[in-house]
Each structure stands twice: as C-alpha cells, then as structure tokens.
Amino acid sequence: MSDAKDILNKVAKGEMTPEEAELKLKAKPFVDLGFAKPDLHRGVRQGVPEVIFGQGKTPEQIDAITKSLLEWGQETVLITRLSADKAAALTTDIKYFEVAKIGVAGKIPEPSCKGTIAVVTGGTSDLPVAEEAAVTAEILGNRVTRIYDVGVAGIHRLLSHTEELMSASVVIAIAGMEGALASVVGGLVDCPVIAVPTSVGYGASFEGLSALLSMLNSCASGVTVVNIDNGFGAGYSASMINHIGG
C-alpha cells in the first residue's frame, strides 16, 4: 500500500484526523543535507519509499540519510550494497542481512499481498544476488520461496520444484555462466519471469555479459531481464507485479 493510501485509510478509520493527514501530505518533498537530498515523497509517488544505495557512501552519510528519513515518518529504510564493515560502523539501529549485504532500519513489515515470489538460482555462487532479491522482496511486503542451486547442469533438481514454481505469482531466475536457467524456467511457468544475469563464470562469460545476452535472447515468452547482479532491481520489480490486485 502506498503512503498516501495508508494515510487516507487511517483518516477513514478515525486513526488520524484530517488535519494530521494534511500535514503528512504537505511535508516538504525532500530534506537538504548538503551532500544528499533524501526524497520524502517517494512513497507517495511510487508506492515504495526511498531506498539508500550504500556503495560509495561513508557510514556517516548513510547514518544521516537514514535518520532523516526515519525522522520524517518513513517506517522502514532499506540500505542496499552495505558492507559488513560499514554496517558495524553505523550508529543507527539496523538489522543486517550479511549475504544480501542489506541493512534495514525501522519496522520490518509483514507480507501485504497473497501471492508468492519464487527466487531461483543456477548455483550456490549466485546466492549473494539471490539474497539481495529475496530480502528486498520480503522487506517490501512479499512472501518469498527460495529455490537454490537448481541449474541446468542437473535439470532434475529444478523439476523437483515444479509445484512451487507453478504456484508462484512471479519468478526471479538468477544465473551466471551461460544464463540458460531463465529460458528453462520461462518454459515451465505461466507467470512473469524476471531474469538476473550474474557475474559468475569463467573468462568468456565476460563478468556476466554472456548470461545477460543469453537472457535477452530467451526464446521463452514472458521473460524480462534486469542488469547484471541487480538483485535489488529484480526484487523491487517482482514486488510491484505481485502487489497488483493485492
């Protein structure tokens, strides 16, 4: 549910006065911290509040941005690409997901829609990207099923999870090497498939470019592709699809 709808629902239920709602909706659109301008209206416009990209930022900068968002009423702040060292240096209280390299400040929400997102990987080496996708989807209010290490080198492993795949509302297929997993999954399910190429592979994989091109050229209909190693983008998009219609 978007911030705006949440506010209107609270007014309808008598949990918030119209005056309080007006103040919330009139809150200035961003805070100027000098080095950053946290977007306070992201949730109103897009349905999901601002997410902090931790890579390249100092712990002090991440702290300041996180605290400003929390102070202005954002209930959950997601911090992606956050190294363990930076997470340990933060003064803000966060829950840290080490494999996903994600930090979460504030409230961790319960699932807010009926559908399930299945996150599928070709191999164990794809886990960091898979967990980034899975944790992102969970923090955005989705139920997630993890199906890991079921690549095409042993296709029977994937087929043993056919029921879980077919009952999913969205599937995120994550693979490096030649990236064939996305096409196989796309040929099995009747829901959207979001393919994530990873930089896992030997020299001729060109740090994920080979998997990216394979996924872009998939012969299976209904497969869309995000950028190399972009687990966050896949989890975010899957959440948007999963929340359509509740």
Protein backbone atom coordinates (compact mmCIF):
# COMPACT_ATOMS: atom_id res chain seq x y z
CA MET A 1 0.00 0.00 0.00
CA SER A 2 1.32 3.49 -0.85
CA ASP A 3 1.94 6.07 1.87
CA ALA A 4 -0.90 8.23 0.53
CA LYS A 5 -3.44 5.36 0.65
CA ASP A 6 -2.26 4.42 4.13
CA ILE A 7 -2.85 7.98 5.33
CA LEU A 8 -6.31 8.11 3.73
CA ASN A 9 -7.24 4.73 5.23
CA LYS A 10 -6.22 5.95 8.69
CA VAL A 11 -8.44 9.01 8.26
CA ALA A 12 -11.34 6.79 7.19
CA LYS A 13 -10.86 4.56 10.24
CA GLY A 14 -10.60 7.52 12.60
CA GLU A 15 -6.98 6.73 13.44
CA MET A 16 -5.79 10.09 12.08
CA THR A 17 -7.50 13.48 11.87
CA PRO A 18 -7.88 15.24 8.50
CA GLU A 19 -5.55 17.97 9.82
CA GLU A 20 -2.85 15.43 10.69
CA ALA A 21 -3.25 13.85 7.26
CA GLU A 22 -2.92 17.22 5.57
CA LEU A 23 0.33 17.89 7.42
CA LYS A 24 1.68 14.50 6.37
CA LEU A 25 0.82 15.09 2.73
CA LYS A 26 2.17 18.64 2.81
CA ALA A 27 5.54 17.62 4.28
CA LYS A 28 8.31 19.11 2.21
CA PRO A 29 9.30 16.80 -0.66
CA PHE A 30 12.94 16.42 0.35
CA VAL A 31 15.48 17.27 3.02
CA ASP A 32 18.67 19.06 2.00
CA LEU A 33 21.60 17.57 3.94
CA GLY A 34 24.18 19.29 1.77
CA PHE A 35 25.71 16.07 0.45
CA ALA A 36 22.32 14.40 -0.17
CA LYS A 37 18.65 15.24 -0.64
CA PRO A 38 16.56 12.37 0.80
CA ASP A 39 13.25 12.10 -1.07
CA LEU A 40 10.34 12.26 1.41
CA HIS A 41 7.59 11.89 -1.22
CA ARG A 42 8.98 8.79 -2.97
CA GLY A 43 6.39 6.57 -1.32
CA VAL A 44 3.53 8.87 -2.31
CA ARG A 45 4.64 8.92 -5.96
CA GLN A 46 5.85 5.34 -6.43
CA GLY A 47 4.29 3.35 -3.62
CA VAL A 48 7.68 2.45 -2.13
CA PRO A 49 9.71 4.91 0.00
CA GLU A 50 13.28 5.87 -0.83
CA VAL A 51 15.95 3.15 -0.68
CA ILE A 52 19.57 4.01 0.15
CA PHE A 53 22.33 2.65 -2.11
CA GLY A 54 25.15 2.09 0.38
CA GLN A 55 28.03 1.50 -2.01
CA GLY A 56 30.25 4.57 -2.29
CA LYS A 57 28.75 6.28 0.76
CA THR A 58 30.50 6.67 4.11
CA PRO A 59 28.91 5.30 7.30
CA GLU A 60 28.36 8.90 8.44
CA GLN A 61 26.48 9.73 5.23
CA ILE A 62 24.35 6.59 5.45
CA ASP A 63 23.56 7.37 9.10
CA ALA A 64 22.48 10.92 8.30
CA ILE A 65 20.27 9.91 5.37
CA THR A 66 18.68 7.04 7.31
CA LYS A 67 17.94 9.18 10.35
CA SER A 68 16.43 11.96 8.26
CA LEU A 69 14.05 9.52 6.55
CA LEU A 70 13.03 7.97 9.88
CA GLU A 71 12.56 11.38 11.49
CA TRP A 72 10.19 12.44 8.69
CA GLY A 73 7.98 9.40 9.17
CA GLN A 74 9.37 6.69 6.88
CA GLU A 75 8.69 3.48 8.79
CA THR A 76 11.21 1.25 7.01
CA VAL A 77 14.53 2.24 5.44
CA LEU A 78 16.23 -0.27 3.16
CA ILE A 79 20.00 0.11 2.64
CA THR A 80 21.44 -1.95 -0.23
CA ARG A 81 25.05 -2.83 -1.07
CA LEU A 82 26.03 -2.27 2.54
CA SER A 83 29.31 -3.94 3.51
CA ALA A 84 29.70 -5.60 6.90
CA ASP A 85 32.33 -3.02 7.91
CA LYS A 86 30.02 -0.11 7.14
CA ALA A 87 27.10 -1.82 8.84
CA ALA A 88 29.16 -2.24 12.02
CA ALA A 89 30.18 1.44 11.92
CA LEU A 90 26.60 2.79 11.78
CA THR A 91 25.11 4.41 14.87
CA THR A 92 21.59 3.81 13.56
CA ASP A 93 19.99 0.61 14.83
CA ILE A 94 19.64 -1.77 11.87
CA LYS A 95 19.03 -5.42 11.12
CA TYR A 96 21.85 -6.60 8.85
CA PHE A 97 21.50 -9.37 6.26
CA GLU A 98 25.10 -10.37 5.63
CA VAL A 99 24.77 -12.48 2.47
CA ALA A 100 22.42 -9.97 0.84
CA LYS A 101 24.54 -7.02 2.05
CA ILE A 102 21.34 -5.25 3.06
CA GLY A 103 20.59 -3.25 6.17
CA VAL A 104 17.08 -2.44 7.38
CA ALA A 105 16.28 0.37 9.82
CA GLY A 106 12.89 0.74 11.43
CA LYS A 107 9.93 -1.59 11.11
CA ILE A 108 10.15 -4.88 9.19
CA PRO A 109 6.71 -5.25 7.61
CA GLU A 110 4.52 -8.35 7.39
CA PRO A 111 3.55 -9.69 3.94
CA SER A 112 0.88 -7.40 2.46
CA CYS A 113 -0.33 -9.45 -0.52
CA LYS A 114 -1.43 -13.03 -1.20
CA GLY A 115 0.99 -14.05 -3.95
CA THR A 116 4.42 -15.61 -3.57
CA ILE A 117 7.67 -14.68 -5.28
CA ALA A 118 9.97 -17.61 -6.08
CA VAL A 119 13.68 -16.81 -6.19
CA VAL A 120 15.58 -19.45 -8.17
CA THR A 121 19.34 -19.75 -8.69
CA GLY A 122 21.54 -21.73 -11.02
CA GLY A 123 24.21 -22.31 -8.38
CA THR A 124 25.35 -21.53 -4.87
CA SER A 125 27.73 -18.88 -6.23
CA ASP A 126 24.65 -16.84 -7.18
CA LEU A 127 23.46 -16.60 -3.55
CA PRO A 128 24.59 -13.00 -2.83
CA VAL A 129 22.50 -11.71 -5.75
CA ALA A 130 19.63 -14.07 -4.90
CA GLU A 131 19.53 -12.97 -1.28
CA GLU A 132 19.59 -9.32 -2.32
CA ALA A 133 16.50 -10.04 -4.42
CA ALA A 134 14.79 -12.18 -1.78
CA VAL A 135 15.39 -9.84 1.15
CA THR A 136 14.35 -6.81 -0.91
CA ALA A 137 11.09 -8.55 -1.83
CA GLU A 138 10.44 -9.56 1.78
CA ILE A 139 11.06 -6.06 3.13
CA LEU A 140 8.64 -4.73 0.50
CA GLY A 141 5.91 -6.96 1.95
CA ASN A 142 6.06 -10.20 -0.04
CA ARG A 143 6.20 -13.90 0.75
CA VAL A 144 9.31 -15.42 -0.79
CA THR A 145 10.17 -19.02 -1.65
CA ARG A 146 13.86 -19.77 -2.13
CA ILE A 147 14.85 -22.48 -4.63
CA TYR A 148 18.63 -22.53 -4.80
CA ASP A 149 21.26 -24.48 -6.76
CA VAL A 150 18.94 -25.92 -9.42
CA GLY A 151 20.87 -25.02 -12.57
CA VAL A 152 20.58 -26.70 -15.96
CA ALA A 153 23.63 -28.91 -15.37
CA GLY A 154 21.26 -31.03 -13.25
CA ILE A 155 17.82 -30.19 -14.58
CA HIS A 156 16.13 -32.83 -12.39
CA ARG A 157 16.84 -30.58 -9.38
CA LEU A 158 14.73 -27.81 -10.87
CA LEU A 159 11.94 -30.16 -11.95
CA SER A 160 11.59 -31.44 -8.38
CA HIS A 161 10.30 -27.94 -7.51
CA THR A 162 7.73 -27.73 -10.32
CA GLU A 163 4.76 -27.29 -7.97
CA GLU A 164 6.41 -24.38 -6.11
CA LEU A 165 7.34 -22.72 -9.40
CA MET A 166 3.87 -23.08 -10.90
CA SER A 167 2.15 -21.71 -7.80
CA ALA A 168 4.29 -18.55 -7.72
CA SER A 169 2.95 -15.17 -8.83
CA VAL A 170 6.40 -14.08 -10.05
CA VAL A 171 9.66 -15.99 -10.52
CA ILE A 172 13.10 -14.40 -10.29
CA ALA A 173 15.59 -16.59 -12.18
CA ILE A 174 19.21 -15.87 -11.29
CA ALA A 175 22.18 -17.42 -13.08
CA GLY A 176 25.68 -16.78 -14.33
CA MET A 177 27.73 -18.83 -16.82
CA GLU A 178 25.53 -19.08 -19.96
CA GLY A 179 22.35 -17.94 -18.19
CA ALA A 180 20.18 -20.77 -19.55
CA LEU A 181 18.12 -21.11 -16.35
CA ALA A 182 15.83 -18.20 -17.24
CA SER A 183 14.73 -19.80 -20.52
CA VAL A 184 14.06 -23.15 -18.86
CA VAL A 185 12.02 -21.54 -16.07
CA GLY A 186 10.21 -19.37 -18.60
CA GLY A 187 9.11 -22.50 -20.43
CA LEU A 188 7.64 -24.04 -17.28
CA VAL A 189 5.54 -21.32 -15.66
CA ASP A 190 2.58 -19.12 -16.60
CA CYS A 191 3.66 -16.09 -14.54
CA PRO A 192 6.14 -13.28 -15.24
CA VAL A 193 9.81 -14.30 -15.03
CA ILE A 194 12.44 -11.73 -14.12
CA ALA A 195 15.88 -12.88 -15.19
CA VAL A 196 19.02 -11.70 -13.39
CA PRO A 197 22.38 -12.40 -15.03
CA THR A 198 25.25 -12.67 -12.55
CA SER A 199 28.95 -12.08 -12.98
CA VAL A 200 29.66 -15.70 -12.00
CA GLY A 201 31.65 -17.61 -14.61
CA TYR A 202 34.98 -18.12 -16.34
CA GLY A 203 36.74 -15.67 -18.65
CA ALA A 204 34.48 -15.92 -21.70
CA SER A 205 31.45 -15.12 -19.55
CA PHE A 206 32.79 -11.53 -19.58
CA GLU A 207 31.67 -10.85 -15.99
CA GLY A 208 28.04 -11.60 -16.71
CA LEU A 209 27.74 -10.22 -20.24
CA SER A 210 27.33 -13.71 -21.70
CA ALA A 211 24.45 -14.52 -19.34
CA LEU A 212 22.90 -11.10 -19.99
CA LEU A 213 22.88 -11.62 -23.76
CA SER A 214 21.51 -15.16 -23.40
CA MET A 215 18.67 -13.95 -21.20
CA LEU A 216 17.87 -11.04 -23.52
CA ASN A 217 17.64 -13.54 -26.38
CA SER A 218 15.50 -16.06 -24.49
CA CYS A 219 13.03 -17.92 -26.70
CA ALA A 220 10.65 -18.30 -23.75
CA SER A 221 7.90 -15.69 -23.71
CA GLY A 222 7.31 -13.63 -20.60
CA VAL A 223 10.97 -13.30 -19.59
CA THR A 224 12.25 -9.82 -18.82
CA VAL A 225 15.81 -9.01 -17.80
CA VAL A 226 17.45 -6.65 -15.32
CA ASN A 227 21.08 -5.60 -15.20
CA ILE A 228 24.00 -7.83 -14.20
CA ASP A 229 23.98 -8.66 -10.46
CA ASN A 230 20.95 -6.41 -9.91
CA GLY A 231 19.14 -8.48 -7.30
CA PHE A 232 17.58 -5.36 -5.80
CA GLY A 233 16.04 -4.32 -9.12
CA ALA A 234 14.59 -7.79 -9.61
CA GLY A 235 13.14 -7.94 -6.09
CA TYR A 236 11.65 -4.47 -6.44
CA SER A 237 10.05 -5.20 -9.83
CA ALA A 238 8.74 -8.57 -8.65
CA SER A 239 7.14 -6.84 -5.67
CA MET A 240 5.39 -4.32 -7.91
CA ILE A 241 3.98 -7.15 -10.04
CA ASN A 242 2.98 -9.20 -7.00
CA HIS A 243 1.09 -6.29 -5.43
CA ILE A 244 -1.10 -5.67 -8.50
CA GLY A 245 -4.57 -6.61 -7.39
CA GLY A 246 -3.38 -7.29 -3.83
